Amino acid sequence: MNRELHREITKELEETYIYKNAKYGDSFTETIDKLGMVSVAVRLNDKVNRINQLVQGSEDDESLADNLLDLANYSVMALMYMNKGDED
């Protein structure tokens, strides 16, 4: 794979993370704090279901690329949450 393309995508991933956290706040962490790590599986599953709909031709305002970025960001945020105790 192309390392430069990977770098560009991870930069876009970071920009998406910053934008969505500014827009929605840290609802991801709040939900995990309230419901536990199972909420991560639920969010990932919801996103995979949405991606499946888009792949099957769902005509919507959402893009496949945006949903893939969201899926990746949810995974990264889960890892960040898991490592949160290491910072304390």
C-alpha atoms as a PDB file:
ATOM      1  CA  MET A   1       0.000   0.000   0.000  1.00  0.00           C
ATOM      2  CA  ASN A   2       0.985   3.590  -0.527  1.00  0.00           C
ATOM      3  CA  ARG A   3       2.350   5.143   2.704  1.00  0.00           C
ATOM      4  CA  GLU A   4       1.625   8.677   1.536  1.00  0.00           C
ATOM      5  CA  LEU A   5      -2.010   7.816   0.858  1.00  0.00           C
ATOM      6  CA  HIS A   6      -2.221   6.213   4.313  1.00  0.00           C
ATOM      7  CA  ARG A   7      -0.858   9.419   5.830  1.00  0.00           C
ATOM      8  CA  GLU A   8      -3.435  11.510   3.931  1.00  0.00           C
ATOM      9  CA  ILE A   9      -6.284   9.275   5.098  1.00  0.00           C
ATOM     10  CA  THR A  10      -5.161   9.325   8.727  1.00  0.00           C
ATOM     11  CA  LYS A  11      -4.960  13.131   8.520  1.00  0.00           C
ATOM     12  CA  GLU A  12      -8.541  13.172   7.234  1.00  0.00           C
ATOM     13  CA  LEU A  13      -9.441  10.792  10.053  1.00  0.00           C
ATOM     14  CA  GLU A  14      -8.029  13.265  12.570  1.00  0.00           C
ATOM     15  CA  GLU A  15      -9.864  16.182  10.948  1.00  0.00           C
ATOM     16  CA  THR A  16     -13.117  14.212  11.099  1.00  0.00           C
ATOM     17  CA  TYR A  17     -12.471  13.405  14.770  1.00  0.00           C
ATOM     18  CA  ILE A  18     -11.878  17.069  15.624  1.00  0.00           C
ATOM     19  CA  TYR A  19     -14.901  18.268  13.645  1.00  0.00           C
ATOM     20  CA  LYS A  20     -17.317  15.707  15.096  1.00  0.00           C
ATOM     21  CA  ASN A  21     -16.121  16.260  18.680  1.00  0.00           C
ATOM     22  CA  ALA A  22     -16.598  20.018  18.248  1.00  0.00           C
ATOM     23  CA  LYS A  23     -20.056  19.445  16.770  1.00  0.00           C
ATOM     24  CA  TYR A  24     -21.357  16.715  19.094  1.00  0.00           C
ATOM     25  CA  GLY A  25     -19.126  16.883  22.165  1.00  0.00           C
ATOM     26  CA  ASP A  26     -17.665  13.739  23.696  1.00  0.00           C
ATOM     27  CA  SER A  27     -20.854  11.684  23.645  1.00  0.00           C
ATOM     28  CA  PHE A  28     -18.776   8.587  22.874  1.00  0.00           C
ATOM     29  CA  THR A  29     -16.954   8.683  26.231  1.00  0.00           C
ATOM     30  CA  GLU A  30     -20.106   9.714  28.078  1.00  0.00           C
ATOM     31  CA  THR A  31     -21.918   6.683  26.683  1.00  0.00           C
ATOM     32  CA  ILE A  32     -19.105   4.294  27.611  1.00  0.00           C
ATOM     33  CA  ASP A  33     -18.954   5.772  31.104  1.00  0.00           C
ATOM     34  CA  LYS A  34     -22.689   5.227  31.470  1.00  0.00           C
ATOM     35  CA  LEU A  35     -23.204   1.885  29.693  1.00  0.00           C
ATOM     36  CA  GLY A  36     -19.770   0.274  29.538  1.00  0.00           C
ATOM     37  CA  MET A  37     -17.673  -1.061  26.676  1.00  0.00           C
ATOM     38  CA  VAL A  38     -20.655  -2.875  25.173  1.00  0.00           C
ATOM     39  CA  SER A  39     -21.691   0.548  23.846  1.00  0.00           C
ATOM     40  CA  VAL A  40     -18.593   0.476  21.622  1.00  0.00           C
ATOM     41  CA  ALA A  41     -19.777  -2.761  20.019  1.00  0.00           C
ATOM     42  CA  VAL A  42     -23.222  -1.251  19.496  1.00  0.00           C
ATOM     43  CA  ARG A  43     -21.837   1.880  17.799  1.00  0.00           C
ATOM     44  CA  LEU A  44     -19.499  -0.168  15.607  1.00  0.00           C
ATOM     45  CA  ASN A  45     -22.319  -2.524  14.662  1.00  0.00           C
ATOM     46  CA  ASP A  46     -24.631   0.384  13.809  1.00  0.00           C
ATOM     47  CA  LYS A  47     -21.941   1.900  11.603  1.00  0.00           C
ATOM     48  CA  VAL A  48     -21.264  -1.429   9.847  1.00  0.00           C
ATOM     49  CA  ASN A  49     -24.998  -1.801   9.188  1.00  0.00           C
ATOM     50  CA  ARG A  50     -25.083   1.702   7.710  1.00  0.00           C
ATOM     51  CA  ILE A  51     -22.068   0.933   5.512  1.00  0.00           C
ATOM     52  CA  ASN A  52     -23.793  -2.238   4.335  1.00  0.00           C
ATOM     53  CA  GLN A  53     -26.862  -0.204   3.325  1.00  0.00           C
ATOM     54  CA  LEU A  54     -24.707   2.235   1.367  1.00  0.00           C
ATOM     55  CA  VAL A  55     -22.816  -0.574  -0.376  1.00  0.00           C
ATOM     56  CA  GLN A  56     -26.130  -2.111  -1.412  1.00  0.00           C
ATOM     57  CA  GLY A  57     -27.109   1.144  -3.094  1.00  0.00           C
ATOM     58  CA  SER A  58     -28.965   3.168  -0.481  1.00  0.00           C
ATOM     59  CA  GLU A  59     -29.327   6.644  -1.925  1.00  0.00           C
ATOM     60  CA  ASP A  60     -28.696   9.061   0.886  1.00  0.00           C
ATOM     61  CA  ASP A  61     -26.792  12.232   1.698  1.00  0.00           C
ATOM     62  CA  GLU A  62     -24.204  10.190   3.581  1.00  0.00           C
ATOM     63  CA  SER A  63     -21.142   8.963   1.752  1.00  0.00           C
ATOM     64  CA  LEU A  64     -19.504   5.582   2.131  1.00  0.00           C
ATOM     65  CA  ALA A  65     -16.175   7.313   2.779  1.00  0.00           C
ATOM     66  CA  ASP A  66     -17.619   9.373   5.657  1.00  0.00           C
ATOM     67  CA  ASN A  67     -19.064   6.266   7.273  1.00  0.00           C
ATOM     68  CA  LEU A  68     -15.777   4.385   6.918  1.00  0.00           C
ATOM     69  CA  LEU A  69     -13.988   7.299   8.595  1.00  0.00           C
ATOM     70  CA  ASP A  70     -16.562   7.215  11.409  1.00  0.00           C
ATOM     71  CA  LEU A  71     -16.023   3.470  11.855  1.00  0.00           C
ATOM     72  CA  ALA A  72     -12.267   3.922  12.048  1.00  0.00           C
ATOM     73  CA  ASN A  73     -12.624   6.827  14.472  1.00  0.00           C
ATOM     74  CA  TYR A  74     -14.910   4.818  16.756  1.00  0.00           C
ATOM     75  CA  SER A  75     -12.237   2.118  16.881  1.00  0.00           C
ATOM     76  CA  VAL A  76      -9.498   4.644  17.668  1.00  0.00           C
ATOM     77  CA  MET A  77     -11.638   6.341  20.323  1.00  0.00           C
ATOM     78  CA  ALA A  78     -12.281   2.969  21.961  1.00  0.00           C
ATOM     79  CA  LEU A  79      -8.524   2.385  22.119  1.00  0.00           C
ATOM     80  CA  MET A  80      -8.055   5.877  23.542  1.00  0.00           C
ATOM     81  CA  TYR A  81     -10.663   5.132  26.197  1.00  0.00           C
ATOM     82  CA  MET A  82      -9.008   1.834  27.066  1.00  0.00           C
ATOM     83  CA  ASN A  83      -5.633   3.594  27.436  1.00  0.00           C
ATOM     84  CA  LYS A  84      -7.092   6.506  29.395  1.00  0.00           C
ATOM     85  CA  GLY A  85      -6.067   4.925  32.697  1.00  0.00           C
ATOM     86  CA  ASP A  86      -2.449   4.890  31.537  1.00  0.00           C
ATOM     87  CA  GLU A  87      -2.457   8.703  31.483  1.00  0.00           C
ATOM     88  CA  ASP A  88      -3.764   9.093  35.047  1.00  0.00           C
END
